[in-house]
Amino acid sequence: MRNFLSFVATMCLALCACLPARAEIRAQAFEYRHGEVVLEGYLAFDDALASPESPRPGVLVCPEWWGVTDYVRMRARKLAELGYVAFVLDPYGRGRVTTDPKQAGEWAGALYSDANAMRERAKVGLEQLLAQPRVDKQRIAVIGYCFGGTLALELARTGAELDAVVAFHAGKLRSLGTAADDKRIKGLITVCHGLADKFVSDEELAGFHADMAAAGLTYQFLAYSGAVHAFTNPDAGKVGLAGVAYEPTADARSWEHMKLALSEAFARAGKR
């Protein structure tokens, strides 16, 4: 019996040794600077997949106008579960997080009114992602939500080396600079838009499509019926803003569309 138990124990140890390392998501606040402004982003990755020896594609995440909230941190962890290294940039400064629409509007408005300032803040966030040793610098994407969707598009308009850009219910779609800036965009653009979103005018939508065509860009525009502004955020309806609500079907479908866009873009980048 003793020999049998010893044999079983040996076999169990051998079997465990053959199993792949258990995935564990590592996530943490990450302090950095833009000039004199102290910022606090959020880094997430799967330490069983991403390492300096085996770098993974990086995804920069641009938050809603509320700042770096639990919601956008959740999105970063979900990206890490997909095998990516995700970094949430801080658009405003450490501690600048709110649930007050008036305050959020003031912070976001300051950047909406200054395209260069917005783009520079985004570029600094991208630099932090690229500096991570676990990131494959040849495979990089940016995604963003609401205000962050605009931020993601504006980063692309700087000519940043991006394989994919995904904007979820972006507040503004057209360039905050000039339409000529669209010609700098690299990579596949995916816009996930609520068909019932009244925050974006018909003129804005028509102008965006015209700008993309004029720039000769490859892009996809996905519209979800019944979805209004901020449709991906389960807490969207709690802020008391008319025309802002969660739509679970559009949320799930847009996430799947993002996954397809990233997979396609990163596969293409891997063949370069």
C-alpha atoms as a PDB file:
ATOM      1  CA  MET A   1       0.000   0.000   0.000  1.00  0.00           C
ATOM      2  CA  ARG A   2       2.813   2.419   0.885  1.00  0.00           C
ATOM      3  CA  ASN A   3       4.435   1.850  -2.511  1.00  0.00           C
ATOM      4  CA  PHE A   4       1.113   2.400  -4.227  1.00  0.00           C
ATOM      5  CA  LEU A   5       0.489   5.705  -2.414  1.00  0.00           C
ATOM      6  CA  SER A   6       4.015   6.823  -3.261  1.00  0.00           C
ATOM      7  CA  PHE A   7       3.412   6.001  -6.904  1.00  0.00           C
ATOM      8  CA  VAL A   8       0.129   8.001  -6.913  1.00  0.00           C
ATOM      9  CA  ALA A   9       1.825  11.003  -5.299  1.00  0.00           C
ATOM     10  CA  THR A  10       4.644  10.900  -7.840  1.00  0.00           C
ATOM     11  CA  MET A  11       2.185  10.746 -10.731  1.00  0.00           C
ATOM     12  CA  CYS A  12       0.191  13.701  -9.318  1.00  0.00           C
ATOM     13  CA  LEU A  13       3.336  15.803  -9.034  1.00  0.00           C
ATOM     14  CA  ALA A  14       4.338  14.925 -12.584  1.00  0.00           C
ATOM     15  CA  LEU A  15       0.891  15.806 -13.883  1.00  0.00           C
ATOM     16  CA  CYS A  16       0.906  19.170 -12.089  1.00  0.00           C
ATOM     17  CA  ALA A  17       4.312  19.940 -13.549  1.00  0.00           C
ATOM     18  CA  CYS A  18       2.911  19.453 -17.051  1.00  0.00           C
ATOM     19  CA  LEU A  19      -0.035  21.807 -16.547  1.00  0.00           C
ATOM     20  CA  PRO A  20       0.311  25.364 -17.873  1.00  0.00           C
ATOM     21  CA  ALA A  21       0.907  28.154 -15.403  1.00  0.00           C
ATOM     22  CA  ARG A  22      -2.322  29.423 -13.861  1.00  0.00           C
ATOM     23  CA  ALA A  23      -3.348  32.759 -15.278  1.00  0.00           C
ATOM     24  CA  GLU A  24      -3.427  35.591 -12.792  1.00  0.00           C
ATOM     25  CA  ILE A  25      -4.333  39.148 -13.680  1.00  0.00           C
ATOM     26  CA  ARG A  26      -1.986  41.703 -12.202  1.00  0.00           C
ATOM     27  CA  ALA A  27      -3.418  45.204 -11.991  1.00  0.00           C
ATOM     28  CA  GLN A  28      -2.175  48.330 -10.285  1.00  0.00           C
ATOM     29  CA  ALA A  29      -2.314  52.100 -10.254  1.00  0.00           C
ATOM     30  CA  PHE A  30       0.547  53.622 -12.206  1.00  0.00           C
ATOM     31  CA  GLU A  31       1.867  57.133 -11.561  1.00  0.00           C
ATOM     32  CA  TYR A  32       3.455  59.179 -14.327  1.00  0.00           C
ATOM     33  CA  ARG A  33       3.813  62.810 -15.397  1.00  0.00           C
ATOM     34  CA  HIS A  34       2.972  65.162 -18.212  1.00  0.00           C
ATOM     35  CA  GLY A  35       5.168  68.175 -17.592  1.00  0.00           C
ATOM     36  CA  GLU A  36       4.280  69.385 -14.101  1.00  0.00           C
ATOM     37  CA  VAL A  37       1.006  67.451 -13.969  1.00  0.00           C
ATOM     38  CA  VAL A  38       1.040  64.241 -11.910  1.00  0.00           C
ATOM     39  CA  LEU A  39      -1.152  61.590 -13.519  1.00  0.00           C
ATOM     40  CA  GLU A  40      -2.308  58.201 -12.279  1.00  0.00           C
ATOM     41  CA  GLY A  41      -3.144  55.550 -14.836  1.00  0.00           C
ATOM     42  CA  TYR A  42      -3.882  51.864 -14.402  1.00  0.00           C
ATOM     43  CA  LEU A  43      -1.897  48.906 -15.743  1.00  0.00           C
ATOM     44  CA  ALA A  44      -3.278  45.366 -16.171  1.00  0.00           C
ATOM     45  CA  PHE A  45      -1.796  42.174 -17.598  1.00  0.00           C
ATOM     46  CA  ASP A  46      -1.840  38.394 -17.243  1.00  0.00           C
ATOM     47  CA  ASP A  47       1.482  37.412 -15.674  1.00  0.00           C
ATOM     48  CA  ALA A  48       1.176  33.874 -17.063  1.00  0.00           C
ATOM     49  CA  LEU A  49       1.209  35.245 -20.609  1.00  0.00           C
ATOM     50  CA  ALA A  50       2.951  38.612 -20.648  1.00  0.00           C
ATOM     51  CA  SER A  51       6.626  38.865 -19.758  1.00  0.00           C
ATOM     52  CA  PRO A  52       9.718  40.654 -21.067  1.00  0.00           C
ATOM     53  CA  GLU A  53      10.686  37.370 -22.739  1.00  0.00           C
ATOM     54  CA  SER A  54       7.210  36.895 -24.233  1.00  0.00           C
ATOM     55  CA  PRO A  55       5.718  40.362 -24.791  1.00  0.00           C
ATOM     56  CA  ARG A  56       2.047  40.732 -25.650  1.00  0.00           C
ATOM     57  CA  PRO A  57       0.126  43.292 -27.730  1.00  0.00           C
ATOM     58  CA  GLY A  58      -0.559  46.521 -25.878  1.00  0.00           C
ATOM     59  CA  VAL A  59      -3.900  48.334 -25.689  1.00  0.00           C
ATOM     60  CA  LEU A  60      -4.168  51.917 -24.501  1.00  0.00           C
ATOM     61  CA  VAL A  61      -7.536  52.612 -22.882  1.00  0.00           C
ATOM     62  CA  CYS A  62      -9.041  56.121 -22.835  1.00  0.00           C
ATOM     63  CA  PRO A  63     -11.719  56.632 -20.162  1.00  0.00           C
ATOM     64  CA  GLU A  64     -15.064  58.385 -20.149  1.00  0.00           C
ATOM     65  CA  TRP A  65     -15.152  62.012 -19.048  1.00  0.00           C
ATOM     66  CA  TRP A  66     -15.513  60.886 -15.415  1.00  0.00           C
ATOM     67  CA  GLY A  67     -11.793  60.028 -15.246  1.00  0.00           C
ATOM     68  CA  VAL A  68     -10.122  56.757 -14.240  1.00  0.00           C
ATOM     69  CA  THR A  69     -13.094  55.020 -12.620  1.00  0.00           C
ATOM     70  CA  ASP A  70     -13.803  51.461 -11.523  1.00  0.00           C
ATOM     71  CA  TYR A  71     -15.620  50.954 -14.828  1.00  0.00           C
ATOM     72  CA  VAL A  72     -12.628  51.659 -17.060  1.00  0.00           C
ATOM     73  CA  ARG A  73     -10.339  49.688 -14.746  1.00  0.00           C
ATOM     74  CA  MET A  74     -12.706  46.746 -15.214  1.00  0.00           C
ATOM     75  CA  ARG A  75     -12.317  47.098 -18.980  1.00  0.00           C
ATOM     76  CA  ALA A  76      -8.539  47.029 -18.619  1.00  0.00           C
ATOM     77  CA  ARG A  77      -8.702  43.793 -16.628  1.00  0.00           C
ATOM     78  CA  LYS A  78     -10.963  42.250 -19.268  1.00  0.00           C
ATOM     79  CA  LEU A  79      -8.411  43.150 -21.927  1.00  0.00           C
ATOM     80  CA  ALA A  80      -5.743  41.502 -19.773  1.00  0.00           C
ATOM     81  CA  GLU A  81      -7.890  38.359 -19.639  1.00  0.00           C
ATOM     82  CA  LEU A  82      -7.765  38.356 -23.451  1.00  0.00           C
ATOM     83  CA  GLY A  83      -3.972  38.263 -23.267  1.00  0.00           C
ATOM     84  CA  TYR A  84      -3.245  41.940 -23.856  1.00  0.00           C
ATOM     85  CA  VAL A  85      -1.314  44.402 -21.721  1.00  0.00           C
ATOM     86  CA  ALA A  86      -3.741  47.242 -21.017  1.00  0.00           C
ATOM     87  CA  PHE A  87      -2.943  50.712 -19.776  1.00  0.00           C
ATOM     88  CA  VAL A  88      -5.636  53.218 -18.816  1.00  0.00           C
ATOM     89  CA  LEU A  89      -4.385  56.748 -19.359  1.00  0.00           C
ATOM     90  CA  ASP A  90      -5.316  59.555 -16.981  1.00  0.00           C
ATOM     91  CA  PRO A  91      -6.762  62.501 -18.935  1.00  0.00           C
ATOM     92  CA  TYR A  92      -6.895  65.052 -16.115  1.00  0.00           C
ATOM     93  CA  GLY A  93      -4.517  64.425 -13.221  1.00  0.00           C
ATOM     94  CA  ARG A  94      -4.235  62.251 -10.138  1.00  0.00           C
ATOM     95  CA  GLY A  95      -7.377  62.367  -8.006  1.00  0.00           C
ATOM     96  CA  ARG A  96      -9.494  63.980 -10.703  1.00  0.00           C
ATOM     97  CA  VAL A  97     -12.380  61.510 -10.777  1.00  0.00           C
ATOM     98  CA  THR A  98     -16.009  62.539 -10.438  1.00  0.00           C
ATOM     99  CA  THR A  99     -19.644  61.486 -10.755  1.00  0.00           C
ATOM    100  CA  ASP A 100     -20.785  65.101 -11.233  1.00  0.00           C
ATOM    101  CA  PRO A 101     -21.639  65.801 -14.898  1.00  0.00           C
ATOM    102  CA  LYS A 102     -20.924  69.521 -14.485  1.00  0.00           C
ATOM    103  CA  GLN A 103     -17.418  68.874 -13.165  1.00  0.00           C
ATOM    104  CA  ALA A 104     -16.732  66.216 -15.772  1.00  0.00           C
ATOM    105  CA  GLY A 105     -17.938  68.587 -18.471  1.00  0.00           C
ATOM    106  CA  GLU A 106     -15.540  71.291 -17.299  1.00  0.00           C
ATOM    107  CA  TRP A 107     -12.539  68.958 -17.284  1.00  0.00           C
ATOM    108  CA  ALA A 108     -13.393  67.388 -20.631  1.00  0.00           C
ATOM    109  CA  GLY A 109     -14.350  70.742 -22.122  1.00  0.00           C
ATOM    110  CA  ALA A 110     -10.894  72.148 -21.461  1.00  0.00           C
ATOM    111  CA  LEU A 111      -9.418  69.402 -23.646  1.00  0.00           C
ATOM    112  CA  TYR A 112     -12.167  69.446 -26.265  1.00  0.00           C
ATOM    113  CA  SER A 113     -11.369  73.129 -26.815  1.00  0.00           C
ATOM    114  CA  ASP A 114      -7.632  72.502 -27.270  1.00  0.00           C
ATOM    115  CA  ALA A 115      -6.888  69.727 -29.750  1.00  0.00           C
ATOM    116  CA  ASN A 116      -3.132  69.958 -29.203  1.00  0.00           C
ATOM    117  CA  ALA A 117      -3.487  69.618 -25.417  1.00  0.00           C
ATOM    118  CA  MET A 118      -5.782  66.626 -25.810  1.00  0.00           C
ATOM    119  CA  ARG A 119      -3.448  64.935 -28.243  1.00  0.00           C
ATOM    120  CA  GLU A 120      -0.380  65.559 -26.105  1.00  0.00           C
ATOM    121  CA  ARG A 121      -2.089  64.063 -23.054  1.00  0.00           C
ATOM    122  CA  ALA A 122      -2.960  60.993 -25.125  1.00  0.00           C
ATOM    123  CA  LYS A 123       0.581  60.693 -26.504  1.00  0.00           C
ATOM    124  CA  VAL A 124       2.037  60.711 -22.988  1.00  0.00           C
ATOM    125  CA  GLY A 125      -0.303  57.855 -22.079  1.00  0.00           C
ATOM    126  CA  LEU A 126       0.835  55.928 -25.142  1.00  0.00           C
ATOM    127  CA  GLU A 127       4.458  56.453 -24.142  1.00  0.00           C
ATOM    128  CA  GLN A 128       3.753  54.812 -20.772  1.00  0.00           C
ATOM    129  CA  LEU A 129       2.262  51.773 -22.474  1.00  0.00           C
ATOM    130  CA  LEU A 130       5.186  51.478 -24.876  1.00  0.00           C
ATOM    131  CA  ALA A 131       7.656  51.698 -21.979  1.00  0.00           C
ATOM    132  CA  GLN A 132       6.275  48.531 -20.384  1.00  0.00           C
ATOM    133  CA  PRO A 133       8.699  45.615 -20.895  1.00  0.00           C
ATOM    134  CA  ARG A 134       5.802  43.158 -21.302  1.00  0.00           C
ATOM    135  CA  VAL A 135       4.431  45.039 -24.322  1.00  0.00           C
ATOM    136  CA  ASP A 136       5.091  44.028 -27.925  1.00  0.00           C
ATOM    137  CA  LYS A 137       5.815  47.459 -29.356  1.00  0.00           C
ATOM    138  CA  GLN A 138       5.051  46.235 -32.886  1.00  0.00           C
ATOM    139  CA  ARG A 139       1.412  45.507 -31.959  1.00  0.00           C
ATOM    140  CA  ILE A 140      -0.369  48.463 -30.390  1.00  0.00           C
ATOM    141  CA  ALA A 141      -3.985  49.624 -30.327  1.00  0.00           C
ATOM    142  CA  VAL A 142      -6.075  52.276 -28.598  1.00  0.00           C
ATOM    143  CA  ILE A 143      -9.689  52.071 -27.471  1.00  0.00           C
ATOM    144  CA  GLY A 144     -11.856  54.661 -25.772  1.00  0.00           C
ATOM    145  CA  TYR A 145     -15.294  55.315 -24.309  1.00  0.00           C
ATOM    146  CA  CYS A 146     -17.412  58.475 -24.817  1.00  0.00           C
ATOM    147  CA  PHE A 147     -14.951  61.350 -24.277  1.00  0.00           C
ATOM    148  CA  GLY A 148     -12.272  58.641 -24.392  1.00  0.00           C
ATOM    149  CA  GLY A 149     -13.504  57.555 -27.818  1.00  0.00           C
ATOM    150  CA  THR A 150     -12.758  61.046 -29.076  1.00  0.00           C
ATOM    151  CA  LEU A 151      -9.414  60.942 -27.273  1.00  0.00           C
ATOM    152  CA  ALA A 152      -8.537  57.678 -29.041  1.00  0.00           C
ATOM    153  CA  LEU A 153      -9.380  59.136 -32.453  1.00  0.00           C
ATOM    154  CA  GLU A 154      -7.399  62.300 -31.728  1.00  0.00           C
ATOM    155  CA  LEU A 155      -4.365  60.223 -30.759  1.00  0.00           C
ATOM    156  CA  ALA A 156      -4.628  58.436 -34.116  1.00  0.00           C
ATOM    157  CA  ARG A 157      -4.696  61.825 -35.849  1.00  0.00           C
ATOM    158  CA  THR A 158      -1.204  62.569 -34.514  1.00  0.00           C
ATOM    159  CA  GLY A 159       0.170  59.840 -36.777  1.00  0.00           C
ATOM    160  CA  ALA A 160       0.875  57.499 -33.852  1.00  0.00           C
ATOM    161  CA  GLU A 161       1.957  53.991 -34.854  1.00  0.00           C
ATOM    162  CA  LEU A 162      -1.298  52.202 -34.090  1.00  0.00           C
ATOM    163  CA  ASP A 163      -2.614  48.970 -35.558  1.00  0.00           C
ATOM    164  CA  ALA A 164      -6.210  49.581 -34.488  1.00  0.00           C
ATOM    165  CA  VAL A 165      -8.420  52.323 -33.075  1.00  0.00           C
ATOM    166  CA  VAL A 166     -11.752  51.441 -31.467  1.00  0.00           C
ATOM    167  CA  ALA A 167     -14.117  54.201 -30.327  1.00  0.00           C
ATOM    168  CA  PHE A 168     -17.202  53.293 -28.277  1.00  0.00           C
ATOM    169  CA  HIS A 169     -19.996  55.911 -28.295  1.00  0.00           C
ATOM    170  CA  ALA A 170     -17.504  58.734 -28.886  1.00  0.00           C
ATOM    171  CA  GLY A 171     -18.677  62.219 -27.989  1.00  0.00           C
ATOM    172  CA  LYS A 172     -17.120  63.753 -31.100  1.00  0.00           C
ATOM    173  CA  LEU A 173     -16.060  61.846 -34.186  1.00  0.00           C
ATOM    174  CA  ARG A 174     -14.674  64.511 -36.503  1.00  0.00           C
ATOM    175  CA  SER A 175     -11.192  65.951 -36.078  1.00  0.00           C
ATOM    176  CA  LEU A 176     -10.859  68.628 -33.405  1.00  0.00           C
ATOM    177  CA  GLY A 177      -8.094  70.085 -35.568  1.00  0.00           C
ATOM    178  CA  THR A 178      -8.591  69.958 -39.323  1.00  0.00           C
ATOM    179  CA  ALA A 179      -9.891  67.267 -41.659  1.00  0.00           C
ATOM    180  CA  ALA A 180      -6.380  67.010 -43.115  1.00  0.00           C
ATOM    181  CA  ASP A 181      -5.295  65.411 -39.818  1.00  0.00           C
ATOM    182  CA  ASP A 182      -7.265  62.294 -40.753  1.00  0.00           C
ATOM    183  CA  LYS A 183      -4.656  61.485 -43.379  1.00  0.00           C
ATOM    184  CA  ARG A 184      -2.182  60.780 -40.583  1.00  0.00           C
ATOM    185  CA  ILE A 185      -4.277  57.950 -39.162  1.00  0.00           C
ATOM    186  CA  LYS A 186      -2.701  54.495 -39.313  1.00  0.00           C
ATOM    187  CA  GLY A 187      -4.433  51.201 -38.670  1.00  0.00           C
ATOM    188  CA  LEU A 188      -8.011  49.984 -38.787  1.00  0.00           C
ATOM    189  CA  ILE A 189     -10.653  52.290 -37.325  1.00  0.00           C
ATOM    190  CA  THR A 190     -13.742  50.803 -35.691  1.00  0.00           C
ATOM    191  CA  VAL A 191     -16.535  53.060 -34.430  1.00  0.00           C
ATOM    192  CA  CYS A 192     -19.199  51.483 -32.222  1.00  0.00           C
ATOM    193  CA  HIS A 193     -22.152  53.860 -32.125  1.00  0.00           C
ATOM    194  CA  GLY A 194     -25.618  53.834 -30.595  1.00  0.00           C
ATOM    195  CA  LEU A 195     -28.185  54.367 -33.330  1.00  0.00           C
ATOM    196  CA  ALA A 196     -30.368  56.286 -30.864  1.00  0.00           C
ATOM    197  CA  ASP A 197     -27.483  58.427 -29.545  1.00  0.00           C
ATOM    198  CA  LYS A 198     -28.721  62.033 -29.661  1.00  0.00           C
ATOM    199  CA  PHE A 199     -25.420  63.406 -28.330  1.00  0.00           C
ATOM    200  CA  VAL A 200     -23.971  63.047 -31.829  1.00  0.00           C
ATOM    201  CA  SER A 201     -25.766  65.017 -34.532  1.00  0.00           C
ATOM    202  CA  ASP A 202     -26.630  63.763 -37.992  1.00  0.00           C
ATOM    203  CA  GLU A 203     -24.321  66.459 -39.362  1.00  0.00           C
ATOM    204  CA  GLU A 204     -21.435  65.149 -37.252  1.00  0.00           C
ATOM    205  CA  LEU A 205     -22.013  61.606 -38.501  1.00  0.00           C
ATOM    206  CA  ALA A 206     -22.273  62.641 -42.140  1.00  0.00           C
ATOM    207  CA  GLY A 207     -19.167  64.782 -41.817  1.00  0.00           C
ATOM    208  CA  PHE A 208     -17.222  61.932 -40.238  1.00  0.00           C
ATOM    209  CA  HIS A 209     -18.047  59.553 -43.087  1.00  0.00           C
ATOM    210  CA  ALA A 210     -17.126  62.208 -45.639  1.00  0.00           C
ATOM    211  CA  ASP A 211     -13.831  62.896 -43.847  1.00  0.00           C
ATOM    212  CA  MET A 212     -12.919  59.209 -43.764  1.00  0.00           C
ATOM    213  CA  ALA A 213     -13.662  58.851 -47.470  1.00  0.00           C
ATOM    214  CA  ALA A 214     -11.666  61.974 -48.327  1.00  0.00           C
ATOM    215  CA  ALA A 215      -8.689  60.638 -46.368  1.00  0.00           C
ATOM    216  CA  GLY A 216      -8.929  57.251 -48.120  1.00  0.00           C
ATOM    217  CA  LEU A 217      -9.099  55.377 -44.832  1.00  0.00           C
ATOM    218  CA  THR A 218     -10.245  51.833 -44.154  1.00  0.00           C
ATOM    219  CA  TYR A 219     -12.777  51.946 -41.354  1.00  0.00           C
ATOM    220  CA  GLN A 220     -15.890  50.252 -40.069  1.00  0.00           C
ATOM    221  CA  PHE A 221     -18.880  51.937 -38.488  1.00  0.00           C
ATOM    222  CA  LEU A 222     -21.158  49.737 -36.417  1.00  0.00           C
ATOM    223  CA  ALA A 223     -24.511  51.115 -35.276  1.00  0.00           C
ATOM    224  CA  TYR A 224     -26.624  49.342 -32.653  1.00  0.00           C
ATOM    225  CA  SER A 225     -30.378  49.867 -32.737  1.00  0.00           C
ATOM    226  CA  GLY A 226     -31.966  50.996 -29.486  1.00  0.00           C
ATOM    227  CA  ALA A 227     -28.627  52.028 -28.004  1.00  0.00           C
ATOM    228  CA  VAL A 228     -28.165  55.571 -26.704  1.00  0.00           C
ATOM    229  CA  HIS A 229     -25.069  57.341 -25.412  1.00  0.00           C
ATOM    230  CA  ALA A 230     -22.753  55.447 -22.996  1.00  0.00           C
ATOM    231  CA  PHE A 231     -24.445  52.134 -23.843  1.00  0.00           C
ATOM    232  CA  THR A 232     -21.488  50.023 -22.633  1.00  0.00           C
ATOM    233  CA  ASN A 233     -21.518  51.244 -19.014  1.00  0.00           C
ATOM    234  CA  PRO A 234     -23.888  49.373 -16.634  1.00  0.00           C
ATOM    235  CA  ASP A 235     -23.989  52.452 -14.385  1.00  0.00           C
ATOM    236  CA  ALA A 236     -24.724  54.920 -17.185  1.00  0.00           C
ATOM    237  CA  GLY A 237     -28.340  55.471 -16.191  1.00  0.00           C
ATOM    238  CA  LYS A 238     -27.471  56.330 -12.590  1.00  0.00           C
ATOM    239  CA  VAL A 239     -26.047  59.772 -13.376  1.00  0.00           C
ATOM    240  CA  GLY A 240     -29.454  61.225 -14.245  1.00  0.00           C
ATOM    241  CA  LEU A 241     -28.615  62.490 -17.737  1.00  0.00           C
ATOM    242  CA  ALA A 242     -31.301  62.233 -20.397  1.00  0.00           C
ATOM    243  CA  GLY A 243     -30.269  60.098 -23.350  1.00  0.00           C
ATOM    244  CA  VAL A 244     -27.655  58.185 -21.367  1.00  0.00           C
ATOM    245  CA  ALA A 245     -28.332  54.512 -20.550  1.00  0.00           C
ATOM    246  CA  TYR A 246     -26.882  51.030 -20.583  1.00  0.00           C
ATOM    247  CA  GLU A 247     -27.878  48.641 -23.357  1.00  0.00           C
ATOM    248  CA  PRO A 248     -26.562  45.134 -22.612  1.00  0.00           C
ATOM    249  CA  THR A 249     -26.982  43.671 -26.091  1.00  0.00           C
ATOM    250  CA  ALA A 250     -25.103  46.546 -27.738  1.00  0.00           C
ATOM    251  CA  ASP A 251     -22.469  46.324 -25.005  1.00  0.00           C
ATOM    252  CA  ALA A 252     -21.877  42.623 -25.620  1.00  0.00           C
ATOM    253  CA  ARG A 253     -21.887  42.943 -29.404  1.00  0.00           C
ATOM    254  CA  SER A 254     -19.558  45.940 -29.471  1.00  0.00           C
ATOM    255  CA  TRP A 255     -17.065  44.116 -27.224  1.00  0.00           C
ATOM    256  CA  GLU A 256     -17.078  41.179 -29.637  1.00  0.00           C
ATOM    257  CA  HIS A 257     -16.590  43.547 -32.563  1.00  0.00           C
ATOM    258  CA  MET A 258     -13.643  45.111 -30.748  1.00  0.00           C
ATOM    259  CA  LYS A 259     -12.125  41.672 -30.172  1.00  0.00           C
ATOM    260  CA  LEU A 260     -12.387  40.873 -33.870  1.00  0.00           C
ATOM    261  CA  ALA A 261     -10.858  44.217 -34.842  1.00  0.00           C
ATOM    262  CA  LEU A 262      -7.909  43.754 -32.488  1.00  0.00           C
ATOM    263  CA  SER A 263      -7.330  40.161 -33.563  1.00  0.00           C
ATOM    264  CA  GLU A 264      -7.339  41.123 -37.230  1.00  0.00           C
ATOM    265  CA  ALA A 265      -5.085  44.126 -36.740  1.00  0.00           C
ATOM    266  CA  PHE A 266      -2.560  42.334 -34.543  1.00  0.00           C
ATOM    267  CA  ALA A 267      -2.430  39.324 -36.870  1.00  0.00           C
ATOM    268  CA  ARG A 268      -1.676  41.636 -39.747  1.00  0.00           C
ATOM    269  CA  ALA A 269       0.980  43.448 -37.717  1.00  0.00           C
ATOM    270  CA  GLY A 270       2.613  40.137 -36.811  1.00  0.00           C
ATOM    271  CA  LYS A 271       3.211  39.433 -40.524  1.00  0.00           C
ATOM    272  CA  ARG A 272       5.099  42.661 -41.143  1.00  0.00           C
END
